[in-house]
C-alpha atoms as a PDB file:
ATOM      1  CA  UNK A   1       0.000   0.000   0.000  1.00  0.00           C
ATOM      2  CA  UNK A   2       2.335   2.681  -1.220  1.00  0.00           C
ATOM      3  CA  UNK A   3       0.063   4.867  -3.373  1.00  0.00           C
ATOM      4  CA  UNK A   4      -2.788   7.260  -2.646  1.00  0.00           C
ATOM      5  CA  UNK A   5      -6.057   5.333  -2.699  1.00  0.00           C
ATOM      6  CA  UNK A   6      -4.527   1.872  -2.304  1.00  0.00           C
ATOM      7  CA  UNK A   7      -7.189  -0.315  -0.698  1.00  0.00           C
ATOM      8  CA  UNK A   8      -7.254  -3.785   0.833  1.00  0.00           C
ATOM      9  CA  UNK A   9      -9.714  -5.752   2.950  1.00  0.00           C
ATOM     10  CA  UNK A  10      -8.795  -7.682   6.073  1.00  0.00           C
ATOM     11  CA  UNK A  11     -10.431  -9.392   9.027  1.00  0.00           C
ATOM     12  CA  UNK A  12      -9.454  -8.490  12.587  1.00  0.00           C
ATOM     13  CA  UNK A  13     -11.176 -10.772  15.065  1.00  0.00           C
ATOM     14  CA  UNK A  14     -14.838 -10.695  14.035  1.00  0.00           C
ATOM     15  CA  UNK A  15     -14.568  -7.335  12.228  1.00  0.00           C
ATOM     16  CA  UNK A  16     -14.293  -6.929   8.471  1.00  0.00           C
ATOM     17  CA  UNK A  17     -12.115  -3.917   7.588  1.00  0.00           C
ATOM     18  CA  UNK A  18     -11.381  -1.739   4.559  1.00  0.00           C
ATOM     19  CA  UNK A  19      -7.859  -0.316   4.794  1.00  0.00           C
ATOM     20  CA  UNK A  20      -6.891   2.644   2.584  1.00  0.00           C
ATOM     21  CA  UNK A  21      -4.039   5.112   2.137  1.00  0.00           C
ATOM     22  CA  UNK A  22      -5.501   8.625   2.300  1.00  0.00           C
ATOM     23  CA  UNK A  23      -4.511  11.936   0.652  1.00  0.00           C
ATOM     24  CA  UNK A  24      -2.009  12.672   3.429  1.00  0.00           C
ATOM     25  CA  UNK A  25      -0.311   9.278   3.027  1.00  0.00           C
ATOM     26  CA  UNK A  26      -1.819   7.912   6.246  1.00  0.00           C
ATOM     27  CA  UNK A  27      -3.269   4.422   6.430  1.00  0.00           C
ATOM     28  CA  UNK A  28      -6.841   4.326   7.707  1.00  0.00           C
ATOM     29  CA  UNK A  29      -9.148   1.422   8.519  1.00  0.00           C
ATOM     30  CA  UNK A  30     -12.951   1.430   8.400  1.00  0.00           C
ATOM     31  CA  UNK A  31     -15.562  -1.189   9.150  1.00  0.00           C
ATOM     32  CA  UNK A  32     -16.444  -2.928   5.897  1.00  0.00           C
ATOM     33  CA  UNK A  33     -20.173  -2.767   6.499  1.00  0.00           C
ATOM     34  CA  UNK A  34     -22.935  -0.659   5.039  1.00  0.00           C
ATOM     35  CA  UNK A  35     -24.950   0.392   8.082  1.00  0.00           C
ATOM     36  CA  UNK A  36     -28.283   0.461   6.235  1.00  0.00           C
ATOM     37  CA  UNK A  37     -28.105  -3.141   4.971  1.00  0.00           C
ATOM     38  CA  UNK A  38     -25.410  -4.579   7.274  1.00  0.00           C
ATOM     39  CA  UNK A  39     -23.635  -5.998   4.235  1.00  0.00           C
ATOM     40  CA  UNK A  40     -20.064  -5.668   2.984  1.00  0.00           C
ATOM     41  CA  UNK A  41     -19.200  -2.520   1.088  1.00  0.00           C
ATOM     42  CA  UNK A  42     -16.082  -4.025  -0.523  1.00  0.00           C
ATOM     43  CA  UNK A  43     -15.773  -7.722  -1.339  1.00  0.00           C
ATOM     44  CA  UNK A  44     -12.857  -9.643   0.187  1.00  0.00           C
ATOM     45  CA  UNK A  45      -9.549  -9.497  -1.655  1.00  0.00           C
ATOM     46  CA  UNK A  46      -6.776 -12.113  -1.457  1.00  0.00           C
ATOM     47  CA  UNK A  47      -3.744 -11.147   0.665  1.00  0.00           C
ATOM     48  CA  UNK A  48      -1.692 -10.307  -2.424  1.00  0.00           C
ATOM     49  CA  UNK A  49      -4.340  -8.152  -4.103  1.00  0.00           C
ATOM     50  CA  UNK A  50      -5.003  -4.479  -3.594  1.00  0.00           C
ATOM     51  CA  UNK A  51      -7.033  -1.933  -5.499  1.00  0.00           C
ATOM     52  CA  UNK A  52      -6.449   1.740  -6.089  1.00  0.00           C
ATOM     53  CA  UNK A  53      -9.532   3.860  -5.422  1.00  0.00           C
ATOM     54  CA  UNK A  54     -10.394   7.508  -4.916  1.00  0.00           C
ATOM     55  CA  UNK A  55     -13.372   6.671  -2.743  1.00  0.00           C
ATOM     56  CA  UNK A  56     -15.406   3.804  -1.341  1.00  0.00           C
ATOM     57  CA  UNK A  57     -18.777   3.102  -2.953  1.00  0.00           C
ATOM     58  CA  UNK A  58     -21.586   1.053  -1.435  1.00  0.00           C
ATOM     59  CA  UNK A  59     -23.095  -1.386  -3.960  1.00  0.00           C
ATOM     60  CA  UNK A  60     -26.676  -0.986  -2.649  1.00  0.00           C
ATOM     61  CA  UNK A  61     -27.446   2.735  -2.852  1.00  0.00           C
ATOM     62  CA  UNK A  62     -24.189   3.834  -4.525  1.00  0.00           C
ATOM     63  CA  UNK A  63     -23.327   6.058  -1.558  1.00  0.00           C
ATOM     64  CA  UNK A  64     -19.749   7.253  -1.912  1.00  0.00           C
ATOM     65  CA  UNK A  65     -17.326   7.896   0.935  1.00  0.00           C
ATOM     66  CA  UNK A  66     -13.988   9.680   0.571  1.00  0.00           C
ATOM     67  CA  UNK A  67     -10.689   8.206   1.763  1.00  0.00           C
ATOM     68  CA  UNK A  68     -11.262   9.797   5.189  1.00  0.00           C
ATOM     69  CA  UNK A  69     -14.575   7.945   5.601  1.00  0.00           C
ATOM     70  CA  UNK A  70     -16.787  11.004   5.034  1.00  0.00           C
ATOM     71  CA  UNK A  71     -20.054  10.519   3.140  1.00  0.00           C
ATOM     72  CA  UNK A  72     -19.841  12.425  -0.175  1.00  0.00           C
ATOM     73  CA  UNK A  73     -22.749  11.256  -2.376  1.00  0.00           C
ATOM     74  CA  UNK A  74     -26.086   9.522  -1.857  1.00  0.00           C
ATOM     75  CA  UNK A  75     -27.535   9.267  -5.383  1.00  0.00           C
ATOM     76  CA  UNK A  76     -30.132   6.530  -4.721  1.00  0.00           C
ATOM     77  CA  UNK A  77     -31.440   7.775  -1.394  1.00  0.00           C
ATOM     78  CA  UNK A  78     -34.491   9.999  -1.733  1.00  0.00           C
ATOM     79  CA  UNK A  79     -34.449  13.432  -0.199  1.00  0.00           C
ATOM     80  CA  UNK A  80     -37.913  14.224   1.083  1.00  0.00           C
ATOM     81  CA  UNK A  81     -38.909  17.743   2.024  1.00  0.00           C
ATOM     82  CA  UNK A  82     -40.258  18.241   5.556  1.00  0.00           C
END
């Protein structure tokens, strides 16, 4: 994981993790679970595989998170007026 956006998945105990290198070169880990559906956001990758991404996208509603874990887009979630 030497490049910006490098991403891998790992298991730590009973937790599934997404590990990424952010814009500042730091390595960050996030739970690999979409809170709405309780499913994996990123499918497991073999130990030797990594991906290079600029964000993390949920396969259900296509919500996109940046490399710091902040929600950036929610294209398939309706926005109802009060």
